[in-house]
Amino acid sequence: MDGIKVAFHTSIYGMIFSLTFNLIFKSVLEQAYHKLDGFISEFKRYVKPDAAYDNGNLELDFQKKQLEAMLATQKAIEEKLLPYLRAMGENIEDIRTLTRDQNDIFRGRINRPRAIGVNSGEDRS
């Protein structure tokens, strides 16, 4: 009987200690998980930000992509228009030269009739 009594008490004490140990272990483990989640969220926020904390960086990346696209568009337009603009500049310079030459010719003709008019007036007298 004494052997059964010892076995019975041992089983009871074992169950009580097992329940106590499991409750304590679960609460400690729960606290550890909670602290680990806090650490991970702070790590993501300050060390490796994700989209939830990184709206500013996402906006900067978007603006950088827009700027790169605008610069590429500007370069493409420049490459397409540059030959036409150079040709236009040459044409404008040609027009400027022709206008200057025409002005010189026109001034020469204005001055000539005066000289001829003076001579022709003397001839009439």
Protein backbone atom coordinates (compact mmCIF):
# COMPACT_ATOMS: atom_id res chain seq x y z
CA MET A 1 0.00 0.00 0.00
CA ASP A 2 2.84 2.31 0.79
CA GLY A 3 4.18 1.86 -2.78
CA ILE A 4 0.84 2.77 -4.32
CA LYS A 5 0.60 5.74 -1.98
CA VAL A 6 4.04 7.02 -3.11
CA ALA A 7 3.16 6.47 -6.78
CA PHE A 8 -0.14 8.28 -6.34
CA HIS A 9 1.49 11.26 -4.58
CA THR A 10 4.23 11.36 -7.19
CA SER A 11 1.64 11.49 -10.00
CA ILE A 12 -0.33 14.24 -8.25
CA TYR A 13 2.80 16.32 -7.56
CA GLY A 14 3.98 15.73 -11.14
CA MET A 15 0.69 17.00 -12.59
CA ILE A 16 0.68 20.04 -10.29
CA PHE A 17 4.29 20.93 -11.18
CA SER A 18 3.63 20.26 -14.87
CA LEU A 19 0.61 22.60 -14.90
CA THR A 20 2.54 25.26 -12.98
CA PHE A 21 5.56 24.92 -15.28
CA ASN A 22 3.37 25.09 -18.44
CA LEU A 23 1.55 28.22 -17.22
CA ILE A 24 4.79 29.98 -16.34
CA PHE A 25 6.45 28.82 -19.59
CA LYS A 26 3.49 30.01 -21.70
CA SER A 27 3.44 33.46 -20.05
CA VAL A 28 7.22 33.85 -20.45
CA LEU A 29 7.03 32.66 -24.06
CA GLU A 30 4.14 35.05 -24.76
CA GLN A 31 6.14 37.97 -23.34
CA ALA A 32 9.14 36.95 -25.45
CA TYR A 33 7.01 36.86 -28.60
CA HIS A 34 5.51 40.24 -27.74
CA LYS A 35 8.96 41.78 -27.24
CA LEU A 36 10.20 40.15 -30.44
CA ASP A 37 7.28 41.61 -32.40
CA GLY A 38 8.04 45.03 -30.93
CA PHE A 39 11.69 44.69 -31.87
CA ILE A 40 10.84 43.64 -35.43
CA SER A 41 8.43 46.53 -35.92
CA GLU A 42 11.02 49.02 -34.60
CA PHE A 43 13.70 47.39 -36.75
CA LYS A 44 11.54 47.77 -39.85
CA ARG A 45 10.68 51.32 -38.92
CA TYR A 46 14.21 52.61 -38.28
CA VAL A 47 16.66 50.20 -39.87
CA LYS A 48 14.84 48.71 -42.83
CA PRO A 49 11.70 50.72 -43.48
CA ASP A 50 8.88 49.12 -45.38
CA ALA A 51 6.06 50.80 -47.29
CA ALA A 52 3.99 51.49 -44.19
CA TYR A 53 6.74 53.64 -42.66
CA ASP A 54 8.43 54.70 -45.87
CA ASN A 55 5.92 56.92 -47.66
CA GLY A 56 8.49 59.71 -47.97
CA ASN A 57 11.03 57.44 -49.62
CA LEU A 58 8.38 56.01 -51.91
CA GLU A 59 7.47 59.55 -52.97
CA LEU A 60 11.12 60.39 -53.58
CA ASP A 61 11.57 57.24 -55.67
CA PHE A 62 8.47 58.15 -57.69
CA GLN A 63 9.77 61.68 -58.24
CA LYS A 64 13.17 60.32 -59.24
CA LYS A 65 11.54 58.05 -61.83
CA GLN A 66 9.49 60.99 -63.13
CA LEU A 67 12.63 63.12 -63.41
CA GLU A 68 14.45 60.37 -65.28
CA ALA A 69 11.50 60.02 -67.67
CA MET A 70 11.37 63.78 -68.23
CA LEU A 71 15.11 63.92 -68.92
CA ALA A 72 14.83 61.02 -71.36
CA THR A 73 11.94 62.78 -73.11
CA GLN A 74 13.91 66.03 -73.22
CA LYS A 75 16.90 64.20 -74.71
CA ALA A 76 14.71 62.53 -77.35
CA ILE A 77 13.10 65.85 -78.28
CA GLU A 78 16.50 67.51 -78.40
CA GLU A 79 17.87 64.80 -80.68
CA LYS A 80 14.86 65.14 -83.01
CA LEU A 81 14.68 68.94 -83.06
CA LEU A 82 18.36 69.88 -82.98
CA PRO A 83 18.98 69.35 -86.72
CA TYR A 84 15.87 71.39 -87.56
CA LEU A 85 16.85 74.17 -85.16
CA ARG A 86 20.35 74.34 -86.64
CA ALA A 87 18.91 74.49 -90.16
CA MET A 88 16.48 77.18 -89.00
CA GLY A 89 19.36 79.16 -87.51
CA GLU A 90 21.27 78.93 -90.78
CA ASN A 91 18.16 80.02 -92.70
CA ILE A 92 17.65 82.96 -90.36
CA GLU A 93 21.29 83.96 -90.84
CA ASP A 94 20.81 83.71 -94.63
CA ILE A 95 17.67 85.87 -94.38
CA ARG A 96 19.56 88.39 -92.24
CA THR A 97 22.37 88.54 -94.81
CA LEU A 98 19.91 88.93 -97.71
CA THR A 99 18.01 91.63 -95.85
CA ARG A 100 21.24 93.49 -95.16
CA ASP A 101 22.22 93.21 -98.83
CA GLN A 102 18.78 94.40 -99.93
CA ASN A 103 18.99 97.34 -97.55
CA ASP A 104 22.39 98.24 -98.95
CA ILE A 105 21.04 98.02 -102.52
CA PHE A 106 17.95 100.01 -101.60
CA ARG A 107 20.03 102.72 -99.92
CA GLY A 108 22.28 102.81 -102.95
CA ARG A 109 19.31 103.35 -105.27
CA ILE A 110 17.90 106.05 -103.03
CA ASN A 111 21.23 107.82 -103.07
CA ARG A 112 21.65 107.39 -106.83
CA PRO A 113 18.50 109.15 -107.94
CA ARG A 114 19.44 112.15 -105.85
CA ALA A 115 22.75 112.26 -107.57
CA ILE A 116 21.07 111.70 -110.93
CA GLY A 117 18.36 114.20 -110.08
CA VAL A 118 20.94 116.82 -109.28
CA ASN A 119 22.70 116.06 -112.55
CA SER A 120 19.47 115.93 -114.53
CA GLY A 121 18.30 119.19 -112.99
CA GLU A 122 21.46 120.84 -114.16
CA ASP A 123 20.95 119.37 -117.59
CA ARG A 124 17.44 120.91 -117.81
CA SER A 125 18.64 124.36 -116.96
